[in-house]
Amino acid sequence: MTEKQQKEQEATLKSGDAFYCYLFARDVEGADIERLQEVVLQKGDVADCYSFAKEVKGADIKKLQEVVLRHGTAFDCYLFAGNIEGADIKRLQKAVIKNGSAWDCYLFAGNIEGADIEKLQEVVLKSGGAEECYLFAKDIEGADKKSLMTKHKKI
């Protein structure tokens, strides 16, 4: 990193702007990833943490994931699980299940390798309507089609 870039990094860190810290870490070779990431973590913005985890080589996925688990939606957890190498699928799935959204469980089951279909299906059966049950039965390999079809006879 050049002397000019070092000064820019210090100014970026001092600004406390998480988005600019993410951009600097992503774009400047030799940037102090740990210090820049710390600003992102302190701000706690889910989108910045997701971007940092996805695009910055050397990012601490576990730390960034914690922000998503604490402050993100079930859909944020689904996105993190599906797009971030090294994400803890079981913990993210647990957050999706806890949220109780049949649609998010359907997405997780259909798109995340290693998803627990049975647990996700339980949420769909409890909180989903006819459409979610139909889609889960139709699209998700390993779904208990009989249970899903019995729950909503309209299907």
C-alpha atoms as a PDB file:
ATOM      1  CA  MET A   1       0.000   0.000   0.000  1.00  0.00           C
ATOM      2  CA  THR A   2       1.348   3.417  -0.892  1.00  0.00           C
ATOM      3  CA  GLU A   3       1.878   6.197   1.629  1.00  0.00           C
ATOM      4  CA  LYS A   4      -1.070   8.063   0.124  1.00  0.00           C
ATOM      5  CA  GLN A   5      -3.275   4.979   0.505  1.00  0.00           C
ATOM      6  CA  GLN A   6      -2.152   4.598   4.128  1.00  0.00           C
ATOM      7  CA  LYS A   7      -3.247   8.167   4.818  1.00  0.00           C
ATOM      8  CA  GLU A   8      -6.543   7.529   3.031  1.00  0.00           C
ATOM      9  CA  GLN A   9      -7.057   4.390   5.104  1.00  0.00           C
ATOM     10  CA  GLU A  10      -6.481   6.290   8.349  1.00  0.00           C
ATOM     11  CA  ALA A  11      -8.927   8.978   7.262  1.00  0.00           C
ATOM     12  CA  THR A  12     -11.478   6.320   6.318  1.00  0.00           C
ATOM     13  CA  LEU A  13     -11.088   4.593   9.673  1.00  0.00           C
ATOM     14  CA  LYS A  14     -11.332   7.897  11.516  1.00  0.00           C
ATOM     15  CA  SER A  15     -14.532   8.785   9.637  1.00  0.00           C
ATOM     16  CA  GLY A  16     -16.245   5.718  11.078  1.00  0.00           C
ATOM     17  CA  ASP A  17     -18.173   5.252   7.836  1.00  0.00           C
ATOM     18  CA  ALA A  18     -18.789   1.502   7.514  1.00  0.00           C
ATOM     19  CA  PHE A  19     -19.606   1.626   3.823  1.00  0.00           C
ATOM     20  CA  TYR A  20     -16.382   3.439   2.950  1.00  0.00           C
ATOM     21  CA  CYS A  21     -14.420   1.023   5.141  1.00  0.00           C
ATOM     22  CA  TYR A  22     -15.957  -1.857   3.204  1.00  0.00           C
ATOM     23  CA  LEU A  23     -15.101  -0.221  -0.139  1.00  0.00           C
ATOM     24  CA  PHE A  24     -11.536   0.518   0.948  1.00  0.00           C
ATOM     25  CA  ALA A  25     -11.033  -3.062   2.165  1.00  0.00           C
ATOM     26  CA  ARG A  26     -12.471  -4.426  -1.069  1.00  0.00           C
ATOM     27  CA  ASP A  27     -10.568  -2.180  -3.459  1.00  0.00           C
ATOM     28  CA  VAL A  28      -7.150  -1.467  -1.951  1.00  0.00           C
ATOM     29  CA  GLU A  29      -4.565  -4.204  -1.954  1.00  0.00           C
ATOM     30  CA  GLY A  30      -2.771  -4.382   1.380  1.00  0.00           C
ATOM     31  CA  ALA A  31      -5.553  -2.661   3.310  1.00  0.00           C
ATOM     32  CA  ASP A  32      -5.820  -3.470   7.012  1.00  0.00           C
ATOM     33  CA  ILE A  33      -8.833  -5.766   6.724  1.00  0.00           C
ATOM     34  CA  GLU A  34      -9.134  -6.379  10.457  1.00  0.00           C
ATOM     35  CA  ARG A  35      -9.296  -2.684  11.421  1.00  0.00           C
ATOM     36  CA  LEU A  36     -11.641  -1.795   8.561  1.00  0.00           C
ATOM     37  CA  GLN A  37     -13.881  -4.741   9.391  1.00  0.00           C
ATOM     38  CA  GLU A  38     -14.038  -3.625  13.017  1.00  0.00           C
ATOM     39  CA  VAL A  39     -15.688  -0.361  11.952  1.00  0.00           C
ATOM     40  CA  VAL A  40     -18.204  -2.312   9.866  1.00  0.00           C
ATOM     41  CA  LEU A  41     -18.960  -4.590  12.814  1.00  0.00           C
ATOM     42  CA  GLN A  42     -19.368  -1.694  15.242  1.00  0.00           C
ATOM     43  CA  LYS A  43     -21.884   0.033  12.976  1.00  0.00           C
ATOM     44  CA  GLY A  44     -23.880  -3.191  12.759  1.00  0.00           C
ATOM     45  CA  ASP A  45     -25.434  -2.555   9.358  1.00  0.00           C
ATOM     46  CA  VAL A  46     -26.544  -5.888   7.914  1.00  0.00           C
ATOM     47  CA  ALA A  47     -26.036  -4.855   4.271  1.00  0.00           C
ATOM     48  CA  ASP A  48     -22.472  -3.641   4.927  1.00  0.00           C
ATOM     49  CA  CYS A  49     -21.644  -6.832   6.833  1.00  0.00           C
ATOM     50  CA  TYR A  50     -23.061  -8.961   4.022  1.00  0.00           C
ATOM     51  CA  SER A  51     -21.078  -7.052   1.386  1.00  0.00           C
ATOM     52  CA  PHE A  52     -17.894  -7.219   3.458  1.00  0.00           C
ATOM     53  CA  ALA A  53     -18.289 -10.978   3.933  1.00  0.00           C
ATOM     54  CA  LYS A  54     -19.063 -11.560   0.262  1.00  0.00           C
ATOM     55  CA  GLU A  55     -16.448  -9.347  -1.363  1.00  0.00           C
ATOM     56  CA  VAL A  56     -13.487  -8.818   0.978  1.00  0.00           C
ATOM     57  CA  LYS A  57     -10.823 -11.480   0.945  1.00  0.00           C
ATOM     58  CA  GLY A  58      -9.791 -12.283   4.512  1.00  0.00           C
ATOM     59  CA  ALA A  59     -13.063 -11.165   6.093  1.00  0.00           C
ATOM     60  CA  ASP A  60     -14.024 -12.884   9.345  1.00  0.00           C
ATOM     61  CA  ILE A  61     -17.224 -14.604   8.256  1.00  0.00           C
ATOM     62  CA  LYS A  62     -18.210 -15.710  11.768  1.00  0.00           C
ATOM     63  CA  LYS A  63     -18.072 -12.188  13.187  1.00  0.00           C
ATOM     64  CA  LEU A  64     -19.969 -10.687  10.255  1.00  0.00           C
ATOM     65  CA  GLN A  65     -22.552 -13.465  10.435  1.00  0.00           C
ATOM     66  CA  GLU A  66     -23.245 -12.576  14.064  1.00  0.00           C
ATOM     67  CA  VAL A  67     -24.443  -9.134  12.996  1.00  0.00           C
ATOM     68  CA  VAL A  68     -26.772 -10.714  10.452  1.00  0.00           C
ATOM     69  CA  LEU A  69     -28.129 -13.105  13.086  1.00  0.00           C
ATOM     70  CA  ARG A  70     -28.658 -10.324  15.653  1.00  0.00           C
ATOM     71  CA  HIS A  71     -30.010  -7.579  13.419  1.00  0.00           C
ATOM     72  CA  GLY A  72     -31.087  -9.145  10.137  1.00  0.00           C
ATOM     73  CA  THR A  73     -34.361 -10.516   8.894  1.00  0.00           C
ATOM     74  CA  ALA A  74     -35.033 -14.155   8.051  1.00  0.00           C
ATOM     75  CA  PHE A  75     -34.469 -13.214   4.412  1.00  0.00           C
ATOM     76  CA  ASP A  76     -31.063 -11.693   5.304  1.00  0.00           C
ATOM     77  CA  CYS A  77     -30.137 -14.994   6.970  1.00  0.00           C
ATOM     78  CA  TYR A  78     -31.256 -16.882   3.857  1.00  0.00           C
ATOM     79  CA  LEU A  79     -29.133 -14.633   1.619  1.00  0.00           C
ATOM     80  CA  PHE A  80     -26.082 -14.976   3.867  1.00  0.00           C
ATOM     81  CA  ALA A  81     -26.450 -18.768   3.925  1.00  0.00           C
ATOM     82  CA  GLY A  82     -26.788 -18.943   0.169  1.00  0.00           C
ATOM     83  CA  ASN A  83     -24.053 -16.551  -0.859  1.00  0.00           C
ATOM     84  CA  ILE A  84     -21.300 -16.519   1.756  1.00  0.00           C
ATOM     85  CA  GLU A  85     -18.752 -19.294   1.718  1.00  0.00           C
ATOM     86  CA  GLY A  86     -18.141 -20.508   5.255  1.00  0.00           C
ATOM     87  CA  ALA A  87     -21.531 -19.415   6.589  1.00  0.00           C
ATOM     88  CA  ASP A  88     -22.949 -21.551   9.396  1.00  0.00           C
ATOM     89  CA  ILE A  89     -25.982 -23.016   7.638  1.00  0.00           C
ATOM     90  CA  LYS A  90     -27.449 -24.601  10.778  1.00  0.00           C
ATOM     91  CA  ARG A  91     -27.395 -21.374  12.801  1.00  0.00           C
ATOM     92  CA  LEU A  92     -28.803 -19.324   9.950  1.00  0.00           C
ATOM     93  CA  GLN A  93     -31.516 -21.928   9.343  1.00  0.00           C
ATOM     94  CA  LYS A  94     -32.426 -21.838  13.035  1.00  0.00           C
ATOM     95  CA  ALA A  95     -32.983 -18.073  12.750  1.00  0.00           C
ATOM     96  CA  VAL A  96     -35.155 -18.540   9.665  1.00  0.00           C
ATOM     97  CA  ILE A  97     -37.238 -21.183  11.437  1.00  0.00           C
ATOM     98  CA  LYS A  98     -37.580 -19.041  14.564  1.00  0.00           C
ATOM     99  CA  ASN A  99     -38.969 -16.208  12.425  1.00  0.00           C
ATOM    100  CA  GLY A 100     -41.814 -18.494  11.346  1.00  0.00           C
ATOM    101  CA  SER A 101     -42.150 -17.258   7.770  1.00  0.00           C
ATOM    102  CA  ALA A 102     -43.360 -20.081   5.535  1.00  0.00           C
ATOM    103  CA  TRP A 103     -42.049 -18.270   2.460  1.00  0.00           C
ATOM    104  CA  ASP A 104     -38.520 -17.856   3.882  1.00  0.00           C
ATOM    105  CA  CYS A 105     -38.518 -21.524   4.925  1.00  0.00           C
ATOM    106  CA  TYR A 106     -39.565 -22.494   1.396  1.00  0.00           C
ATOM    107  CA  LEU A 107     -36.707 -20.420  -0.073  1.00  0.00           C
ATOM    108  CA  PHE A 108     -34.193 -21.844   2.380  1.00  0.00           C
ATOM    109  CA  ALA A 109     -35.280 -25.438   1.738  1.00  0.00           C
ATOM    110  CA  GLY A 110     -35.185 -25.001  -2.013  1.00  0.00           C
ATOM    111  CA  ASN A 111     -31.902 -23.174  -2.357  1.00  0.00           C
ATOM    112  CA  ILE A 112     -29.555 -23.910   0.536  1.00  0.00           C
ATOM    113  CA  GLU A 113     -27.465 -27.046   0.397  1.00  0.00           C
ATOM    114  CA  GLY A 114     -27.641 -28.889   3.694  1.00  0.00           C
ATOM    115  CA  ALA A 115     -31.003 -27.416   4.691  1.00  0.00           C
ATOM    116  CA  ASP A 116     -33.067 -29.565   7.059  1.00  0.00           C
ATOM    117  CA  ILE A 117     -36.172 -30.100   4.926  1.00  0.00           C
ATOM    118  CA  GLU A 118     -38.170 -31.709   7.721  1.00  0.00           C
ATOM    119  CA  LYS A 119     -37.690 -28.808  10.146  1.00  0.00           C
ATOM    120  CA  LEU A 120     -38.418 -26.204   7.496  1.00  0.00           C
ATOM    121  CA  GLN A 121     -41.517 -28.106   6.383  1.00  0.00           C
ATOM    122  CA  GLU A 122     -42.854 -28.028   9.964  1.00  0.00           C
ATOM    123  CA  VAL A 123     -42.947 -24.222   9.779  1.00  0.00           C
ATOM    124  CA  VAL A 124     -44.701 -24.315   6.424  1.00  0.00           C
ATOM    125  CA  LEU A 125     -47.315 -26.697   7.821  1.00  0.00           C
ATOM    126  CA  LYS A 126     -47.879 -24.484  10.891  1.00  0.00           C
ATOM    127  CA  SER A 127     -47.891 -21.046   9.346  1.00  0.00           C
ATOM    128  CA  GLY A 128     -48.213 -21.468   5.610  1.00  0.00           C
ATOM    129  CA  GLY A 129     -51.279 -21.175   3.515  1.00  0.00           C
ATOM    130  CA  ALA A 130     -52.386 -23.373   0.672  1.00  0.00           C
ATOM    131  CA  GLU A 131     -49.981 -21.735  -1.786  1.00  0.00           C
ATOM    132  CA  GLU A 132     -46.872 -22.256   0.385  1.00  0.00           C
ATOM    133  CA  CYS A 133     -47.819 -25.876   1.109  1.00  0.00           C
ATOM    134  CA  TYR A 134     -48.427 -26.534  -2.587  1.00  0.00           C
ATOM    135  CA  LEU A 135     -45.112 -24.981  -3.623  1.00  0.00           C
ATOM    136  CA  PHE A 136     -43.178 -26.786  -0.906  1.00  0.00           C
ATOM    137  CA  ALA A 137     -44.697 -30.126  -1.951  1.00  0.00           C
ATOM    138  CA  LYS A 138     -44.112 -29.432  -5.640  1.00  0.00           C
ATOM    139  CA  ASP A 139     -40.607 -27.962  -5.524  1.00  0.00           C
ATOM    140  CA  ILE A 140     -38.730 -29.308  -2.514  1.00  0.00           C
ATOM    141  CA  GLU A 141     -37.000 -32.637  -2.879  1.00  0.00           C
ATOM    142  CA  GLY A 142     -37.589 -34.729   0.228  1.00  0.00           C
ATOM    143  CA  ALA A 143     -40.772 -32.909   1.247  1.00  0.00           C
ATOM    144  CA  ASP A 144     -43.552 -34.988   2.783  1.00  0.00           C
ATOM    145  CA  LYS A 145     -46.065 -34.360   0.022  1.00  0.00           C
ATOM    146  CA  LYS A 146     -48.830 -36.289   1.752  1.00  0.00           C
ATOM    147  CA  SER A 147     -48.659 -34.126   4.898  1.00  0.00           C
ATOM    148  CA  LEU A 148     -48.563 -30.949   2.862  1.00  0.00           C
ATOM    149  CA  MET A 149     -51.481 -31.965   0.664  1.00  0.00           C
ATOM    150  CA  THR A 150     -53.560 -33.220   3.615  1.00  0.00           C
ATOM    151  CA  LYS A 151     -53.099 -29.958   5.517  1.00  0.00           C
ATOM    152  CA  HIS A 152     -54.635 -27.945   2.694  1.00  0.00           C
ATOM    153  CA  LYS A 153     -57.163 -30.011   0.812  1.00  0.00           C
ATOM    154  CA  LYS A 154     -57.775 -27.119  -1.594  1.00  0.00           C
ATOM    155  CA  ILE A 155     -54.524 -27.993  -3.329  1.00  0.00           C
END
